[in-house]
Amino acid sequence: MAVFSIAALALVNLSGENVRTASAIEARVLAGVVAENRIAEALVDWPPVGETSGVELAGDRPWRWVRKVTRTSDPELVRIDVMVGRPDSLRTLAESTAFRGRR
């Protein structure tokens, strides 16, 4: 009976780890979607140089994003970096970078 109990506890622990892992993967995927959305928005129109931030809903959850647009050595090209995380944490769950030219 003791062996069965130990095996059952190991299976319960394993299923709990699977749920935590699935939740972490889901959070990273949704944060990645938000990052790509912010990049796409910046690629449509010439973005202003500097930092902007906001909150976007994805998967019925709020996501904090920060977009940094910086000049490059070419005046016709800017670098766009987007970092996304949960509003209640400073941890970044997804990042995306793009370059946009004026032409």
PDB file of N, CA and C in Angstrom:
ATOM      1  N   MET A   1       0.818  -1.185   0.000  1.00  0.00           N
ATOM      2  CA  MET A   1       0.000   0.000   0.000  1.00  0.00           C
ATOM      3  C   MET A   1       0.871   1.263   0.000  1.00  0.00           C
ATOM      4  N   ALA A   2       1.976   1.240   0.723  1.00  0.00           N
ATOM      5  CA  ALA A   2       2.869   2.396   0.790  1.00  0.00           C
ATOM      6  C   ALA A   2       3.478   2.687  -0.582  1.00  0.00           C
ATOM      7  N   VAL A   3       3.825   1.627  -1.318  1.00  0.00           N
ATOM      8  CA  VAL A   3       4.406   1.815  -2.649  1.00  0.00           C
ATOM      9  C   VAL A   3       3.380   2.471  -3.571  1.00  0.00           C
ATOM     10  N   PHE A   4       2.139   2.025  -3.489  1.00  0.00           N
ATOM     11  CA  PHE A   4       1.075   2.603  -4.310  1.00  0.00           C
ATOM     12  C   PHE A   4       0.869   4.075  -3.956  1.00  0.00           C
ATOM     13  N   SER A   5       0.903   4.409  -2.697  1.00  0.00           N
ATOM     14  CA  SER A   5       0.726   5.802  -2.257  1.00  0.00           C
ATOM     15  C   SER A   5       1.834   6.693  -2.792  1.00  0.00           C
ATOM     16  N   ILE A   6       3.059   6.206  -2.734  1.00  0.00           N
ATOM     17  CA  ILE A   6       4.196   6.993  -3.243  1.00  0.00           C
ATOM     18  C   ILE A   6       4.055   7.197  -4.751  1.00  0.00           C
ATOM     19  N   ALA A   7       3.655   6.150  -5.464  1.00  0.00           N
ATOM     20  CA  ALA A   7       3.471   6.263  -6.912  1.00  0.00           C
ATOM     21  C   ALA A   7       2.345   7.240  -7.244  1.00  0.00           C
ATOM     22  N   ALA A   8       1.253   7.196  -6.489  1.00  0.00           N
ATOM     23  CA  ALA A   8       0.133   8.106  -6.720  1.00  0.00           C
ATOM     24  C   ALA A   8       0.545   9.559  -6.465  1.00  0.00           C
ATOM     25  N   LEU A   9       1.301   9.796  -5.405  1.00  0.00           N
ATOM     26  CA  LEU A   9       1.780  11.149  -5.116  1.00  0.00           C
ATOM     27  C   LEU A   9       2.705  11.656  -6.220  1.00  0.00           C
ATOM     28  N   ALA A  10       3.544  10.793  -6.758  1.00  0.00           N
ATOM     29  CA  ALA A  10       4.441  11.179  -7.853  1.00  0.00           C
ATOM     30  C   ALA A  10       3.642  11.569  -9.092  1.00  0.00           C
ATOM     31  N   LEU A  11       2.575  10.826  -9.387  1.00  0.00           N
ATOM     32  CA  LEU A  11       1.733  11.154 -10.540  1.00  0.00           C
ATOM     33  C   LEU A  11       0.992  12.474 -10.337  1.00  0.00           C
ATOM     34  N   VAL A  12       0.516  12.730  -9.142  1.00  0.00           N
ATOM     35  CA  VAL A  12      -0.162  13.996  -8.854  1.00  0.00           C
ATOM     36  C   VAL A  12       0.822  15.154  -9.005  1.00  0.00           C
ATOM     37  N   ASN A  13       2.022  14.993  -8.499  1.00  0.00           N
ATOM     38  CA  ASN A  13       3.044  16.026  -8.620  1.00  0.00           C
ATOM     39  C   ASN A  13       3.387  16.280 -10.089  1.00  0.00           C
ATOM     40  N   LEU A  14       3.507  15.221 -10.873  1.00  0.00           N
ATOM     41  CA  LEU A  14       3.813  15.344 -12.290  1.00  0.00           C
ATOM     42  C   LEU A  14       2.713  16.099 -13.024  1.00  0.00           C
ATOM     43  N   SER A  15       1.463  15.802 -12.730  1.00  0.00           N
ATOM     44  CA  SER A  15       0.369  16.502 -13.407  1.00  0.00           C
ATOM     45  C   SER A  15       0.354  17.978 -13.017  1.00  0.00           C
ATOM     46  N   GLY A  16       0.699  18.284 -11.787  1.00  0.00           N
ATOM     47  CA  GLY A  16       0.785  19.683 -11.366  1.00  0.00           C
ATOM     48  C   GLY A  16       1.881  20.425 -12.113  1.00  0.00           C
ATOM     49  N   GLU A  17       3.014  19.767 -12.309  1.00  0.00           N
ATOM     50  CA  GLU A  17       4.116  20.374 -13.079  1.00  0.00           C
ATOM     51  C   GLU A  17       3.689  20.612 -14.523  1.00  0.00           C
ATOM     52  N   ASN A  18       2.939  19.683 -15.095  1.00  0.00           N
ATOM     53  CA  ASN A  18       2.460  19.849 -16.471  1.00  0.00           C
ATOM     54  C   ASN A  18       1.539  21.052 -16.591  1.00  0.00           C
ATOM     55  N   VAL A  19       0.677  21.251 -15.631  1.00  0.00           N
ATOM     56  CA  VAL A  19      -0.242  22.402 -15.645  1.00  0.00           C
ATOM     57  C   VAL A  19       0.543  23.696 -15.539  1.00  0.00           C
ATOM     58  N   ARG A  20       1.526  23.755 -14.640  1.00  0.00           N
ATOM     59  CA  ARG A  20       2.347  24.964 -14.495  1.00  0.00           C
ATOM     60  C   ARG A  20       3.124  25.267 -15.769  1.00  0.00           C
ATOM     61  N   THR A  21       3.682  24.226 -16.378  1.00  0.00           N
ATOM     62  CA  THR A  21       4.445  24.411 -17.612  1.00  0.00           C
ATOM     63  C   THR A  21       3.543  24.897 -18.738  1.00  0.00           C
ATOM     64  N   ALA A  22       2.369  24.304 -18.864  1.00  0.00           N
ATOM     65  CA  ALA A  22       1.426  24.719 -19.908  1.00  0.00           C
ATOM     66  C   ALA A  22       1.013  26.174 -19.705  1.00  0.00           C
ATOM     67  N   SER A  23       0.804  26.571 -18.488  1.00  0.00           N
ATOM     68  CA  SER A  23       0.427  27.949 -18.188  1.00  0.00           C
ATOM     69  C   SER A  23       1.549  28.921 -18.558  1.00  0.00           C
ATOM     70  N   ALA A  24       2.785  28.553 -18.263  1.00  0.00           N
ATOM     71  CA  ALA A  24       3.929  29.408 -18.597  1.00  0.00           C
ATOM     72  C   ALA A  24       4.092  29.534 -20.112  1.00  0.00           C
ATOM     73  N   ILE A  25       3.904  28.438 -20.830  1.00  0.00           N
ATOM     74  CA  ILE A  25       4.004  28.473 -22.293  1.00  0.00           C
ATOM     75  C   ILE A  25       2.897  29.338 -22.878  1.00  0.00           C
ATOM     76  N   GLU A  26       1.690  29.201 -22.361  1.00  0.00           N
ATOM     77  CA  GLU A  26       0.571  30.005 -22.834  1.00  0.00           C
ATOM     78  C   GLU A  26       0.855  31.491 -22.622  1.00  0.00           C
ATOM     79  N   ALA A  27       1.398  31.853 -21.472  1.00  0.00           N
ATOM     80  CA  ALA A  27       1.709  33.253 -21.188  1.00  0.00           C
ATOM     81  C   ALA A  27       2.751  33.783 -22.166  1.00  0.00           C
ATOM     82  N   ARG A  28       3.770  33.000 -22.468  1.00  0.00           N
ATOM     83  CA  ARG A  28       4.807  33.450 -23.409  1.00  0.00           C
ATOM     84  C   ARG A  28       4.255  33.600 -24.820  1.00  0.00           C
ATOM     85  N   VAL A  29       3.391  32.691 -25.225  1.00  0.00           N
ATOM     86  CA  VAL A  29       2.803  32.780 -26.568  1.00  0.00           C
ATOM     87  C   VAL A  29       1.927  34.026 -26.678  1.00  0.00           C
ATOM     88  N   LEU A  30       1.073  34.264 -25.694  1.00  0.00           N
ATOM     89  CA  LEU A  30       0.212  35.449 -25.733  1.00  0.00           C
ATOM     90  C   LEU A  30       1.035  36.735 -25.681  1.00  0.00           C
ATOM     91  N   ALA A  31       2.082  36.759 -24.871  1.00  0.00           N
ATOM     92  CA  ALA A  31       2.954  37.937 -24.813  1.00  0.00           C
ATOM     93  C   ALA A  31       3.633  38.145 -26.171  1.00  0.00           C
ATOM     94  N   GLY A  32       3.992  37.060 -26.837  1.00  0.00           N
ATOM     95  CA  GLY A  32       4.581  37.165 -28.166  1.00  0.00           C
ATOM     96  C   GLY A  32       3.621  37.739 -29.185  1.00  0.00           C
ATOM     97  N   VAL A  33       2.364  37.376 -29.080  1.00  0.00           N
ATOM     98  CA  VAL A  33       1.342  37.929 -29.973  1.00  0.00           C
ATOM     99  C   VAL A  33       1.218  39.442 -29.752  1.00  0.00           C
ATOM    100  N   VAL A  34       1.214  39.862 -28.509  1.00  0.00           N
ATOM    101  CA  VAL A  34       1.135  41.292 -28.201  1.00  0.00           C
ATOM    102  C   VAL A  34       2.364  42.021 -28.757  1.00  0.00           C
ATOM    103  N   ALA A  35       3.543  41.447 -28.589  1.00  0.00           N
ATOM    104  CA  ALA A  35       4.771  42.069 -29.098  1.00  0.00           C
ATOM    105  C   ALA A  35       4.701  42.220 -30.621  1.00  0.00           C
ATOM    106  N   GLU A  36       4.259  41.194 -31.304  1.00  0.00           N
ATOM    107  CA  GLU A  36       4.147  41.269 -32.758  1.00  0.00           C
ATOM    108  C   GLU A  36       3.088  42.285 -33.190  1.00  0.00           C
ATOM    109  N   ASN A  37       2.002  42.416 -32.424  1.00  0.00           N
ATOM    110  CA  ASN A  37       0.986  43.425 -32.723  1.00  0.00           C
ATOM    111  C   ASN A  37       1.574  44.830 -32.638  1.00  0.00           C
ATOM    112  N   ARG A  38       2.357  45.086 -31.599  1.00  0.00           N
ATOM    113  CA  ARG A  38       2.974  46.406 -31.420  1.00  0.00           C
ATOM    114  C   ARG A  38       3.996  46.693 -32.512  1.00  0.00           C
ATOM    115  N   ILE A  39       4.740  45.666 -32.926  1.00  0.00           N
ATOM    116  CA  ILE A  39       5.699  45.824 -34.026  1.00  0.00           C
ATOM    117  C   ILE A  39       4.942  46.141 -35.315  1.00  0.00           C
ATOM    118  N   ALA A  40       3.880  45.392 -35.595  1.00  0.00           N
ATOM    119  CA  ALA A  40       3.101  45.616 -36.815  1.00  0.00           C
ATOM    120  C   ALA A  40       2.544  47.028 -36.855  1.00  0.00           C
ATOM    121  N   GLU A  41       2.068  47.506 -35.734  1.00  0.00           N
ATOM    122  CA  GLU A  41       1.541  48.875 -35.667  1.00  0.00           C
ATOM    123  C   GLU A  41       2.627  49.892 -36.021  1.00  0.00           C
ATOM    124  N   ALA A  42       3.833  49.671 -35.520  1.00  0.00           N
ATOM    125  CA  ALA A  42       4.931  50.598 -35.791  1.00  0.00           C
ATOM    126  C   ALA A  42       5.401  50.512 -37.244  1.00  0.00           C
ATOM    127  N   LEU A  43       5.182  49.399 -37.902  1.00  0.00           N
ATOM    128  CA  LEU A  43       5.595  49.259 -39.292  1.00  0.00           C
ATOM    129  C   LEU A  43       4.620  49.906 -40.265  1.00  0.00           C
ATOM    130  N   VAL A  44       3.393  50.155 -39.828  1.00  0.00           N
ATOM    131  CA  VAL A  44       2.396  50.772 -40.703  1.00  0.00           C
ATOM    132  C   VAL A  44       2.716  52.246 -40.927  1.00  0.00           C
ATOM    133  N   ASP A  45       2.970  52.977 -39.871  1.00  0.00           N
ATOM    134  CA  ASP A  45       3.310  54.393 -39.947  1.00  0.00           C
ATOM    135  C   ASP A  45       4.668  54.618 -39.301  1.00  0.00           C
ATOM    136  N   TRP A  46       5.369  55.649 -39.750  1.00  0.00           N
ATOM    137  CA  TRP A  46       6.676  55.978 -39.180  1.00  0.00           C
ATOM    138  C   TRP A  46       6.497  56.291 -37.706  1.00  0.00           C
ATOM    139  N   PRO A  47       7.097  55.494 -36.804  1.00  0.00           N
ATOM    140  CA  PRO A  47       6.889  55.718 -35.368  1.00  0.00           C
ATOM    141  C   PRO A  47       7.773  56.854 -34.845  1.00  0.00           C
ATOM    142  N   PRO A  48       7.311  57.588 -33.853  1.00  0.00           N
ATOM    143  CA  PRO A  48       8.156  58.634 -33.266  1.00  0.00           C
ATOM    144  C   PRO A  48       9.284  58.010 -32.453  1.00  0.00           C
ATOM    145  N   VAL A  49      10.446  58.642 -32.499  1.00  0.00           N
ATOM    146  CA  VAL A  49      11.582  58.171 -31.715  1.00  0.00           C
ATOM    147  C   VAL A  49      11.273  58.383 -30.236  1.00  0.00           C
ATOM    148  N   GLY A  50      11.585  57.390 -29.433  1.00  0.00           N
ATOM    149  CA  GLY A  50      11.334  57.473 -27.998  1.00  0.00           C
ATOM    150  C   GLY A  50      10.651  56.222 -27.494  1.00  0.00           C
ATOM    151  N   GLU A  51      10.156  56.317 -26.280  1.00  0.00           N
ATOM    152  CA  GLU A  51       9.528  55.172 -25.617  1.00  0.00           C
ATOM    153  C   GLU A  51       8.044  55.426 -25.419  1.00  0.00           C
ATOM    154  N   THR A  52       7.246  54.444 -25.772  1.00  0.00           N
ATOM    155  CA  THR A  52       5.808  54.479 -25.493  1.00  0.00           C
ATOM    156  C   THR A  52       5.449  53.188 -24.782  1.00  0.00           C
ATOM    157  N   SER A  53       4.379  53.229 -24.022  1.00  0.00           N
ATOM    158  CA  SER A  53       3.957  52.027 -23.305  1.00  0.00           C
ATOM    159  C   SER A  53       2.448  52.016 -23.191  1.00  0.00           C
ATOM    160  N   GLY A  54       1.932  50.858 -22.852  1.00  0.00           N
ATOM    161  CA  GLY A  54       0.501  50.722 -22.690  1.00  0.00           C
ATOM    162  C   GLY A  54       0.135  49.332 -22.217  1.00  0.00           C
ATOM    163  N   VAL A  55      -1.160  49.076 -22.233  1.00  0.00           N
ATOM    164  CA  VAL A  55      -1.688  47.771 -21.828  1.00  0.00           C
ATOM    165  C   VAL A  55      -2.623  47.310 -22.933  1.00  0.00           C
ATOM    166  N   GLU A  56      -2.494  46.055 -23.311  1.00  0.00           N
ATOM    167  CA  GLU A  56      -3.341  45.465 -24.343  1.00  0.00           C
ATOM    168  C   GLU A  56      -3.941  44.171 -23.805  1.00  0.00           C
ATOM    169  N   LEU A  57      -5.176  43.898 -24.182  1.00  0.00           N
ATOM    170  CA  LEU A  57      -5.814  42.638 -23.794  1.00  0.00           C
ATOM    171  C   LEU A  57      -5.537  41.576 -24.850  1.00  0.00           C
ATOM    172  N   ALA A  58      -5.140  40.412 -24.403  1.00  0.00           N
ATOM    173  CA  ALA A  58      -4.971  39.249 -25.277  1.00  0.00           C
ATOM    174  C   ALA A  58      -5.276  38.021 -24.439  1.00  0.00           C
ATOM    175  N   GLY A  59      -6.112  37.151 -24.963  1.00  0.00           N
ATOM    176  CA  GLY A  59      -6.502  35.967 -24.200  1.00  0.00           C
ATOM    177  C   GLY A  59      -7.251  36.337 -22.934  1.00  0.00           C
ATOM    178  N   ASP A  60      -8.026  37.404 -22.985  1.00  0.00           N
ATOM    179  CA  ASP A  60      -8.794  37.908 -21.836  1.00  0.00           C
ATOM    180  C   ASP A  60      -7.915  38.282 -20.648  1.00  0.00           C
ATOM    181  N   ARG A  61      -6.643  38.616 -20.929  1.00  0.00           N
ATOM    182  CA  ARG A  61      -5.721  39.049 -19.877  1.00  0.00           C
ATOM    183  C   ARG A  61      -5.040  40.337 -20.298  1.00  0.00           C
ATOM    184  N   PRO A  62      -4.746  41.203 -19.351  1.00  0.00           N
ATOM    185  CA  PRO A  62      -4.000  42.417 -19.701  1.00  0.00           C
ATOM    186  C   PRO A  62      -2.506  42.124 -19.822  1.00  0.00           C
ATOM    187  N   TRP A  63      -1.870  42.797 -20.771  1.00  0.00           N
ATOM    188  CA  TRP A  63      -0.429  42.655 -20.994  1.00  0.00           C
ATOM    189  C   TRP A  63       0.187  44.049 -21.055  1.00  0.00           C
ATOM    190  N   ARG A  64       1.258  44.261 -20.307  1.00  0.00           N
ATOM    191  CA  ARG A  64       1.977  45.527 -20.304  1.00  0.00           C
ATOM    192  C   ARG A  64       3.020  45.462 -21.422  1.00  0.00           C
ATOM    193  N   TRP A  65       3.060  46.495 -22.264  1.00  0.00           N
ATOM    194  CA  TRP A  65       4.064  46.530 -23.322  1.00  0.00           C
ATOM    195  C   TRP A  65       4.817  47.855 -23.293  1.00  0.00           C
ATOM    196  N   VAL A  66       6.068  47.796 -23.717  1.00  0.00           N
ATOM    197  CA  VAL A  66       6.917  48.979 -23.838  1.00  0.00           C
ATOM    198  C   VAL A  66       7.562  48.909 -25.212  1.00  0.00           C
ATOM    199  N   ARG A  67       7.413  49.982 -25.978  1.00  0.00           N
ATOM    200  CA  ARG A  67       8.022  50.049 -27.309  1.00  0.00           C
ATOM    201  C   ARG A  67       9.067  51.157 -27.304  1.00  0.00           C
ATOM    202  N   LYS A  68      10.298  50.807 -27.692  1.00  0.00           N
ATOM    203  CA  LYS A  68      11.386  51.784 -27.777  1.00  0.00           C
ATOM    204  C   LYS A  68      11.801  51.914 -29.237  1.00  0.00           C
ATOM    205  N   VAL A  69      11.710  53.129 -29.734  1.00  0.00           N
ATOM    206  CA  VAL A  69      12.125  53.416 -31.111  1.00  0.00           C
ATOM    207  C   VAL A  69      13.388  54.257 -31.029  1.00  0.00           C
ATOM    208  N   THR A  70      14.462  53.767 -31.639  1.00  0.00           N
ATOM    209  CA  THR A  70      15.744  54.465 -31.594  1.00  0.00           C
ATOM    210  C   THR A  70      16.265  54.690 -33.003  1.00  0.00           C
ATOM    211  N   ARG A  71      17.025  55.763 -33.141  1.00  0.00           N
ATOM    212  CA  ARG A  71      17.656  56.069 -34.422  1.00  0.00           C
ATOM    213  C   ARG A  71      18.802  55.088 -34.665  1.00  0.00           C
ATOM    214  N   THR A  72      19.135  54.910 -35.915  1.00  0.00           N
ATOM    215  CA  THR A  72      20.306  54.127 -36.295  1.00  0.00           C
ATOM    216  C   THR A  72      21.289  55.068 -36.981  1.00  0.00           C
ATOM    217  N   SER A  73      22.406  54.539 -37.427  1.00  0.00           N
ATOM    218  CA  SER A  73      23.383  55.377 -38.126  1.00  0.00           C
ATOM    219  C   SER A  73      22.836  55.889 -39.459  1.00  0.00           C
ATOM    220  N   ASP A  74      21.827  55.215 -39.985  1.00  0.00           N
ATOM    221  CA  ASP A  74      21.152  55.657 -41.213  1.00  0.00           C
ATOM    222  C   ASP A  74      19.930  56.484 -40.817  1.00  0.00           C
ATOM    223  N   PRO A  75      19.864  57.760 -41.219  1.00  0.00           N
ATOM    224  CA  PRO A  75      18.720  58.584 -40.814  1.00  0.00           C
ATOM    225  C   PRO A  75      17.380  58.129 -41.385  1.00  0.00           C
ATOM    226  N   GLU A  76      17.420  57.254 -42.377  1.00  0.00           N
ATOM    227  CA  GLU A  76      16.189  56.753 -42.980  1.00  0.00           C
ATOM    228  C   GLU A  76      15.729  55.430 -42.371  1.00  0.00           C
ATOM    229  N   LEU A  77      16.373  55.020 -41.264  1.00  0.00           N
ATOM    230  CA  LEU A  77      16.087  53.722 -40.657  1.00  0.00           C
ATOM    231  C   LEU A  77      16.007  53.862 -39.142  1.00  0.00           C
ATOM    232  N   VAL A  78      14.967  53.267 -38.543  1.00  0.00           N
ATOM    233  CA  VAL A  78      14.857  53.240 -37.079  1.00  0.00           C
ATOM    234  C   VAL A  78      14.776  51.800 -36.603  1.00  0.00           C
ATOM    235  N   ARG A  79      15.182  51.602 -35.356  1.00  0.00           N
ATOM    236  CA  ARG A  79      15.085  50.293 -34.706  1.00  0.00           C
ATOM    237  C   ARG A  79      13.903  50.338 -33.755  1.00  0.00           C
ATOM    238  N   ILE A  80      13.092  49.287 -33.778  1.00  0.00           N
ATOM    239  CA  ILE A  80      11.898  49.201 -32.931  1.00  0.00           C
ATOM    240  C   ILE A  80      12.035  47.967 -32.047  1.00  0.00           C
ATOM    241  N   ASP A  81      12.071  48.178 -30.736  1.00  0.00           N
ATOM    242  CA  ASP A  81      12.137  47.083 -29.763  1.00  0.00           C
ATOM    243  C   ASP A  81      10.863  47.094 -28.938  1.00  0.00           C
ATOM    244  N   VAL A  82      10.272  45.932 -28.771  1.00  0.00           N
ATOM    245  CA  VAL A  82       9.054  45.808 -27.962  1.00  0.00           C
ATOM    246  C   VAL A  82       9.288  44.742 -26.904  1.00  0.00           C
ATOM    247  N   MET A  83       8.960  45.085 -25.653  1.00  0.00           N
ATOM    248  CA  MET A  83       9.031  44.142 -24.543  1.00  0.00           C
ATOM    249  C   MET A  83       7.637  44.018 -23.942  1.00  0.00           C
ATOM    250  N   VAL A  84       7.230  42.789 -23.622  1.00  0.00           N
ATOM    251  CA  VAL A  84       5.881  42.546 -23.106  1.00  0.00           C
ATOM    252  C   VAL A  84       5.963  41.681 -21.851  1.00  0.00           C
ATOM    253  N   GLY A  85       5.144  42.031 -20.877  1.00  0.00           N
ATOM    254  CA  GLY A  85       5.049  41.252 -19.646  1.00  0.00           C
ATOM    255  C   GLY A  85       3.685  41.445 -19.011  1.00  0.00           C
ATOM    256  N   ARG A  86       3.505  40.859 -17.864  1.00  0.00           N
ATOM    257  CA  ARG A  86       2.250  41.023 -17.113  1.00  0.00           C
ATOM    258  C   ARG A  86       2.276  42.374 -16.408  1.00  0.00           C
ATOM    259  N   PRO A  87       1.128  43.014 -16.226  1.00  0.00           N
ATOM    260  CA  PRO A  87       1.089  44.326 -15.573  1.00  0.00           C
ATOM    261  C   PRO A  87       1.571  44.304 -14.120  1.00  0.00           C
ATOM    262  N   ASP A  88       1.461  43.166 -13.467  1.00  0.00           N
ATOM    263  CA  ASP A  88       1.831  43.072 -12.053  1.00  0.00           C
ATOM    264  C   ASP A  88       3.273  42.610 -11.850  1.00  0.00           C
ATOM    265  N   SER A  89       4.074  42.595 -12.928  1.00  0.00           N
ATOM    266  CA  SER A  89       5.446  42.102 -12.841  1.00  0.00           C
ATOM    267  C   SER A  89       6.345  42.921 -13.761  1.00  0.00           C
ATOM    268  N   LEU A  90       7.596  43.052 -13.396  1.00  0.00           N
ATOM    269  CA  LEU A  90       8.573  43.718 -14.254  1.00  0.00           C
ATOM    270  C   LEU A  90       9.264  42.732 -15.194  1.00  0.00           C
ATOM    271  N   ARG A  91       8.961  41.463 -15.061  1.00  0.00           N
ATOM    272  CA  ARG A  91       9.585  40.419 -15.878  1.00  0.00           C
ATOM    273  C   ARG A  91       9.077  40.496 -17.315  1.00  0.00           C
ATOM    274  N   THR A  92      10.000  40.410 -18.264  1.00  0.00           N
ATOM    275  CA  THR A  92       9.650  40.407 -19.681  1.00  0.00           C
ATOM    276  C   THR A  92       9.407  38.968 -20.124  1.00  0.00           C
ATOM    277  N   LEU A  93       8.238  38.733 -20.725  1.00  0.00           N
ATOM    278  CA  LEU A  93       7.894  37.390 -21.196  1.00  0.00           C
ATOM    279  C   LEU A  93       8.140  37.216 -22.687  1.00  0.00           C
ATOM    280  N   ALA A  94       8.149  38.321 -23.436  1.00  0.00           N
ATOM    281  CA  ALA A  94       8.398  38.249 -24.874  1.00  0.00           C
ATOM    282  C   ALA A  94       9.044  39.543 -25.337  1.00  0.00           C
ATOM    283  N   GLU A  95       9.914  39.421 -26.317  1.00  0.00           N
ATOM    284  CA  GLU A  95      10.566  40.576 -26.930  1.00  0.00           C
ATOM    285  C   GLU A  95      10.538  40.406 -28.434  1.00  0.00           C
ATOM    286  N   SER A  96      10.469  41.529 -29.129  1.00  0.00           N
ATOM    287  CA  SER A  96      10.525  41.495 -30.584  1.00  0.00           C
ATOM    288  C   SER A  96      11.242  42.752 -31.053  1.00  0.00           C
ATOM    289  N   THR A  97      12.004  42.619 -32.131  1.00  0.00           N
ATOM    290  CA  THR A  97      12.747  43.739 -32.691  1.00  0.00           C
ATOM    291  C   THR A  97      12.517  43.786 -34.190  1.00  0.00           C
ATOM    292  N   ALA A  98      12.391  45.002 -34.710  1.00  0.00           N
ATOM    293  CA  ALA A  98      12.245  45.195 -36.152  1.00  0.00           C
ATOM    294  C   ALA A  98      12.955  46.482 -36.534  1.00  0.00           C
ATOM    295  N   PHE A  99      13.234  46.609 -37.820  1.00  0.00           N
ATOM    296  CA  PHE A  99      13.794  47.838 -38.368  1.00  0.00           C
ATOM    297  C   PHE A  99      12.832  48.336 -39.421  1.00  0.00           C
ATOM    298  N   ARG A 100      12.660  49.677 -39.474  1.00  0.00           N
ATOM    299  CA  ARG A 100      11.747  50.259 -40.455  1.00  0.00           C
ATOM    300  C   ARG A 100      12.446  51.386 -41.177  1.00  0.00           C
ATOM    301  N   GLY A 101      12.340  51.340 -42.495  1.00  0.00           N
ATOM    302  CA  GLY A 101      12.872  52.406 -43.322  1.00  0.00           C
ATOM    303  C   GLY A 101      11.761  53.343 -43.747  1.00  0.00           C
ATOM    304  N   ARG A 102      12.122  54.533 -44.121  1.00  0.00           N
ATOM    305  CA  ARG A 102      11.108  55.515 -44.559  1.00  0.00           C
ATOM    306  C   ARG A 102      10.501  55.162 -45.889  1.00  0.00           C
ATOM    307  N   ARG A 103      11.231  54.502 -46.728  1.00  0.00           N
ATOM    308  CA  ARG A 103      10.716  54.213 -48.079  1.00  0.00           C
ATOM    309  C   ARG A 103       9.939  52.934 -48.125  1.00  0.00           C
TER     310      ARG A 103
END
